[in-house]
Amino acid sequence: MKLSRASVYAFYGLAHVAGQPAGRYVPLSEIHERYGVPEKHLAKIFQVLVKAGILDSARGVNGGFALAKPANKISPLDVVEAIEGRINDAGCLLLQQGCTSYGACRINAVWRRAQHAMLTVLRKSTLADMVDDAKPATRLSLARLSGEPRGR
């Protein structure tokens, strides 16, 4: 599974928000300064996460974004599905389309087992797991993702 840039930005932003004291609303500018994520892009992503019930938002001087529920109640799968859409487990995983030979294709059977294992890990893990063990990313590491020159 390859995550979109939006999902990667969501995880960096969520990890930063989750690392703050409970109830603190984090401005987008703070996440931008830390990771170099474009604020306008992050604003769109975070609005999707607000609609999904993962984040809360507040306007004003002390506004920004905070987790809507504890980090140990948010799974990576919740985040991925909020950004990417529901993960479809029907059809051929290799061709990304419907398949009429259910169970007949050994290749697809292997990929289905792999997908099931991945979804199990994403469903059972939490954002808290990612924050506690996360090594802080830098603007440089995200610059590689966005295709920016390394010297920035």
C-alpha atoms as a PDB file:
ATOM      1  CA  MET A   1       0.000   0.000   0.000  1.00  0.00           C
ATOM      2  CA  LYS A   2       1.378   3.353  -0.983  1.00  0.00           C
ATOM      3  CA  LEU A   3       0.017   6.367   0.872  1.00  0.00           C
ATOM      4  CA  SER A   4      -0.768   9.602  -0.879  1.00  0.00           C
ATOM      5  CA  ARG A   5       1.078  12.754   0.056  1.00  0.00           C
ATOM      6  CA  ALA A   6      -2.109  13.915   1.829  1.00  0.00           C
ATOM      7  CA  SER A   7      -2.081  10.851   4.095  1.00  0.00           C
ATOM      8  CA  VAL A   8       1.605  11.284   4.899  1.00  0.00           C
ATOM      9  CA  TYR A   9       1.025  14.953   5.744  1.00  0.00           C
ATOM     10  CA  ALA A  10      -1.965  13.923   7.869  1.00  0.00           C
ATOM     11  CA  PHE A  11       0.166  11.527   9.917  1.00  0.00           C
ATOM     12  CA  TYR A  12       2.927  14.082  10.494  1.00  0.00           C
ATOM     13  CA  GLY A  13       0.374  16.697  11.511  1.00  0.00           C
ATOM     14  CA  LEU A  14      -1.542  14.303  13.744  1.00  0.00           C
ATOM     15  CA  ALA A  15       1.631  13.076  15.420  1.00  0.00           C
ATOM     16  CA  HIS A  16       2.552  16.674  16.231  1.00  0.00           C
ATOM     17  CA  VAL A  17      -0.928  17.469  17.567  1.00  0.00           C
ATOM     18  CA  ALA A  18      -0.992  14.231  19.578  1.00  0.00           C
ATOM     19  CA  GLY A  19       2.327  15.151  21.194  1.00  0.00           C
ATOM     20  CA  GLN A  20       0.858  18.339  22.685  1.00  0.00           C
ATOM     21  CA  PRO A  21      -0.781  18.686  26.104  1.00  0.00           C
ATOM     22  CA  ALA A  22      -4.441  17.625  26.110  1.00  0.00           C
ATOM     23  CA  GLY A  23      -6.751  20.420  25.057  1.00  0.00           C
ATOM     24  CA  ARG A  24      -4.075  22.538  23.365  1.00  0.00           C
ATOM     25  CA  TYR A  25      -5.083  23.723  19.912  1.00  0.00           C
ATOM     26  CA  VAL A  26      -2.154  23.699  17.496  1.00  0.00           C
ATOM     27  CA  PRO A  27      -2.016  26.319  14.732  1.00  0.00           C
ATOM     28  CA  LEU A  28      -1.162  25.111  11.238  1.00  0.00           C
ATOM     29  CA  SER A  29       1.769  27.517  11.155  1.00  0.00           C
ATOM     30  CA  GLU A  30       3.442  25.527  13.943  1.00  0.00           C
ATOM     31  CA  ILE A  31       3.215  22.287  11.962  1.00  0.00           C
ATOM     32  CA  HIS A  32       4.457  24.105   8.858  1.00  0.00           C
ATOM     33  CA  GLU A  33       7.462  25.472  10.765  1.00  0.00           C
ATOM     34  CA  ARG A  34       8.313  22.042  12.175  1.00  0.00           C
ATOM     35  CA  TYR A  35       7.841  19.889   9.074  1.00  0.00           C
ATOM     36  CA  GLY A  36       7.559  22.261   6.123  1.00  0.00           C
ATOM     37  CA  VAL A  37       4.079  20.976   5.220  1.00  0.00           C
ATOM     38  CA  PRO A  38       2.255  23.619   3.129  1.00  0.00           C
ATOM     39  CA  GLU A  39      -0.349  25.267   5.377  1.00  0.00           C
ATOM     40  CA  LYS A  40      -3.064  25.495   2.705  1.00  0.00           C
ATOM     41  CA  HIS A  41      -2.700  21.818   1.868  1.00  0.00           C
ATOM     42  CA  LEU A  42      -2.682  20.845   5.537  1.00  0.00           C
ATOM     43  CA  ALA A  43      -5.779  22.989   6.178  1.00  0.00           C
ATOM     44  CA  LYS A  44      -7.734  20.970   3.596  1.00  0.00           C
ATOM     45  CA  ILE A  45      -6.488  17.683   5.025  1.00  0.00           C
ATOM     46  CA  PHE A  46      -7.298  18.686   8.593  1.00  0.00           C
ATOM     47  CA  GLN A  47     -10.834  19.765   7.615  1.00  0.00           C
ATOM     48  CA  VAL A  48     -11.382  16.241   6.284  1.00  0.00           C
ATOM     49  CA  LEU A  49     -10.123  14.876   9.622  1.00  0.00           C
ATOM     50  CA  VAL A  50     -12.492  17.211  11.499  1.00  0.00           C
ATOM     51  CA  LYS A  51     -15.430  15.866   9.457  1.00  0.00           C
ATOM     52  CA  ALA A  52     -14.255  12.322  10.227  1.00  0.00           C
ATOM     53  CA  GLY A  53     -14.298  13.053  13.978  1.00  0.00           C
ATOM     54  CA  ILE A  54     -10.535  12.658  14.383  1.00  0.00           C
ATOM     55  CA  LEU A  55      -9.758  16.345  15.003  1.00  0.00           C
ATOM     56  CA  ASP A  56     -11.538  19.306  16.572  1.00  0.00           C
ATOM     57  CA  SER A  57     -10.940  22.834  15.355  1.00  0.00           C
ATOM     58  CA  ALA A  58     -11.212  26.221  17.007  1.00  0.00           C
ATOM     59  CA  ARG A  59     -10.980  29.700  15.526  1.00  0.00           C
ATOM     60  CA  GLY A  60      -9.425  32.763  17.039  1.00  0.00           C
ATOM     61  CA  VAL A  61      -6.177  33.796  18.653  1.00  0.00           C
ATOM     62  CA  ASN A  62      -5.682  30.481  20.470  1.00  0.00           C
ATOM     63  CA  GLY A  63      -7.309  28.474  17.691  1.00  0.00           C
ATOM     64  CA  GLY A  64      -6.020  25.604  15.691  1.00  0.00           C
ATOM     65  CA  PHE A  65      -6.538  21.867  15.850  1.00  0.00           C
ATOM     66  CA  ALA A  66      -6.662  19.324  18.682  1.00  0.00           C
ATOM     67  CA  LEU A  67      -7.484  15.636  18.781  1.00  0.00           C
ATOM     68  CA  ALA A  68     -11.222  14.965  19.033  1.00  0.00           C
ATOM     69  CA  LYS A  69     -10.543  11.817  21.048  1.00  0.00           C
ATOM     70  CA  PRO A  70      -7.520  10.325  22.817  1.00  0.00           C
ATOM     71  CA  ALA A  71      -4.639   9.233  20.574  1.00  0.00           C
ATOM     72  CA  ASN A  72      -5.040   5.659  21.816  1.00  0.00           C
ATOM     73  CA  LYS A  73      -8.569   5.620  20.323  1.00  0.00           C
ATOM     74  CA  ILE A  74      -7.500   6.671  16.801  1.00  0.00           C
ATOM     75  CA  SER A  75      -6.253   3.921  14.508  1.00  0.00           C
ATOM     76  CA  PRO A  76      -4.033   4.530  11.498  1.00  0.00           C
ATOM     77  CA  LEU A  77      -6.781   2.838   9.477  1.00  0.00           C
ATOM     78  CA  ASP A  78      -9.238   5.546  10.635  1.00  0.00           C
ATOM     79  CA  VAL A  79      -6.854   8.172   9.275  1.00  0.00           C
ATOM     80  CA  VAL A  80      -6.099   6.413   5.994  1.00  0.00           C
ATOM     81  CA  GLU A  81      -9.779   5.788   5.279  1.00  0.00           C
ATOM     82  CA  ALA A  82     -10.682   9.393   6.146  1.00  0.00           C
ATOM     83  CA  ILE A  83      -8.145  10.678   3.614  1.00  0.00           C
ATOM     84  CA  GLU A  84      -8.051   7.963   0.943  1.00  0.00           C
ATOM     85  CA  GLY A  85     -11.553   6.560   1.260  1.00  0.00           C
ATOM     86  CA  ARG A  86     -12.679   3.163   2.390  1.00  0.00           C
ATOM     87  CA  ILE A  87     -10.249   0.406   1.497  1.00  0.00           C
ATOM     88  CA  ASN A  88     -12.033  -1.964  -0.837  1.00  0.00           C
ATOM     89  CA  ASP A  89     -11.200  -5.607  -0.323  1.00  0.00           C
ATOM     90  CA  ALA A  90     -13.248  -6.911  -3.236  1.00  0.00           C
ATOM     91  CA  GLY A  91     -11.931  -7.724  -6.652  1.00  0.00           C
ATOM     92  CA  CYS A  92      -8.417  -8.293  -7.861  1.00  0.00           C
ATOM     93  CA  LEU A  93      -5.800  -6.516  -5.788  1.00  0.00           C
ATOM     94  CA  LEU A  94      -3.256  -6.718  -8.586  1.00  0.00           C
ATOM     95  CA  LEU A  95      -5.414  -5.288 -11.355  1.00  0.00           C
ATOM     96  CA  GLN A  96      -7.445  -2.980  -9.061  1.00  0.00           C
ATOM     97  CA  GLN A  97     -10.729  -4.062 -10.633  1.00  0.00           C
ATOM     98  CA  GLY A  98     -13.485  -6.605 -10.238  1.00  0.00           C
ATOM     99  CA  CYS A  99     -12.532 -10.260 -10.638  1.00  0.00           C
ATOM    100  CA  THR A 100     -14.754 -13.094 -11.774  1.00  0.00           C
ATOM    101  CA  SER A 101     -12.425 -15.906 -10.713  1.00  0.00           C
ATOM    102  CA  TYR A 102     -12.853 -15.571  -6.935  1.00  0.00           C
ATOM    103  CA  GLY A 103     -10.561 -18.012  -5.199  1.00  0.00           C
ATOM    104  CA  ALA A 104      -9.253 -19.416  -8.479  1.00  0.00           C
ATOM    105  CA  CYS A 105      -6.294 -17.058  -8.754  1.00  0.00           C
ATOM    106  CA  ARG A 106      -3.440 -18.080  -6.464  1.00  0.00           C
ATOM    107  CA  ILE A 107      -1.647 -14.797  -7.042  1.00  0.00           C
ATOM    108  CA  ASN A 108      -4.591 -12.786  -5.772  1.00  0.00           C
ATOM    109  CA  ALA A 109      -4.961 -15.123  -2.776  1.00  0.00           C
ATOM    110  CA  VAL A 110      -1.441 -14.253  -1.612  1.00  0.00           C
ATOM    111  CA  TRP A 111      -2.092 -10.523  -2.000  1.00  0.00           C
ATOM    112  CA  ARG A 112      -5.390 -10.851  -0.093  1.00  0.00           C
ATOM    113  CA  ARG A 113      -3.564 -12.462   2.844  1.00  0.00           C
ATOM    114  CA  ALA A 114      -0.995  -9.646   2.760  1.00  0.00           C
ATOM    115  CA  GLN A 115      -3.736  -7.003   2.661  1.00  0.00           C
ATOM    116  CA  HIS A 116      -5.591  -8.681   5.522  1.00  0.00           C
ATOM    117  CA  ALA A 117      -2.409  -8.689   7.640  1.00  0.00           C
ATOM    118  CA  MET A 118      -1.741  -5.026   6.846  1.00  0.00           C
ATOM    119  CA  LEU A 119      -5.316  -3.987   7.659  1.00  0.00           C
ATOM    120  CA  THR A 120      -5.148  -5.930  10.930  1.00  0.00           C
ATOM    121  CA  VAL A 121      -2.010  -4.046  11.966  1.00  0.00           C
ATOM    122  CA  LEU A 122      -3.508  -0.677  10.964  1.00  0.00           C
ATOM    123  CA  ARG A 123      -6.761  -1.464  12.772  1.00  0.00           C
ATOM    124  CA  LYS A 124      -5.085  -2.650  16.015  1.00  0.00           C
ATOM    125  CA  SER A 125      -2.425   0.089  16.187  1.00  0.00           C
ATOM    126  CA  THR A 126      -3.127   3.595  17.416  1.00  0.00           C
ATOM    127  CA  LEU A 127      -1.890   7.100  16.875  1.00  0.00           C
ATOM    128  CA  ALA A 128      -0.431   6.903  20.400  1.00  0.00           C
ATOM    129  CA  ASP A 129       1.789   4.018  19.229  1.00  0.00           C
ATOM    130  CA  MET A 130       3.122   6.218  16.453  1.00  0.00           C
ATOM    131  CA  VAL A 131       3.762   9.238  18.644  1.00  0.00           C
ATOM    132  CA  ASP A 132       5.500   7.426  21.478  1.00  0.00           C
ATOM    133  CA  ASP A 133       8.007   5.743  19.150  1.00  0.00           C
ATOM    134  CA  ALA A 134       8.217   8.421  16.480  1.00  0.00           C
ATOM    135  CA  LYS A 135      11.519  10.067  15.698  1.00  0.00           C
ATOM    136  CA  PRO A 136      10.757  13.697  14.851  1.00  0.00           C
ATOM    137  CA  ALA A 137      10.752  14.319  11.128  1.00  0.00           C
ATOM    138  CA  THR A 138      12.483  17.301   9.697  1.00  0.00           C
ATOM    139  CA  ARG A 139      11.759  19.660   6.878  1.00  0.00           C
ATOM    140  CA  LEU A 140      14.453  17.786   4.934  1.00  0.00           C
ATOM    141  CA  SER A 141      12.740  14.406   5.125  1.00  0.00           C
ATOM    142  CA  LEU A 142       9.414  15.857   3.981  1.00  0.00           C
ATOM    143  CA  ALA A 143      11.154  17.843   1.252  1.00  0.00           C
ATOM    144  CA  ARG A 144      12.063  14.518  -0.381  1.00  0.00           C
ATOM    145  CA  LEU A 145       8.398  13.563  -0.384  1.00  0.00           C
ATOM    146  CA  SER A 146       7.281  16.794  -2.011  1.00  0.00           C
ATOM    147  CA  GLY A 147      10.049  16.749  -4.598  1.00  0.00           C
ATOM    148  CA  GLU A 148      11.694  19.903  -3.258  1.00  0.00           C
ATOM    149  CA  PRO A 149      15.455  20.301  -3.655  1.00  0.00           C
ATOM    150  CA  ARG A 150      17.378  18.871  -0.696  1.00  0.00           C
ATOM    151  CA  GLY A 151      19.056  22.137   0.210  1.00  0.00           C
ATOM    152  CA  ARG A 152      15.862  23.813   1.461  1.00  0.00           C
END
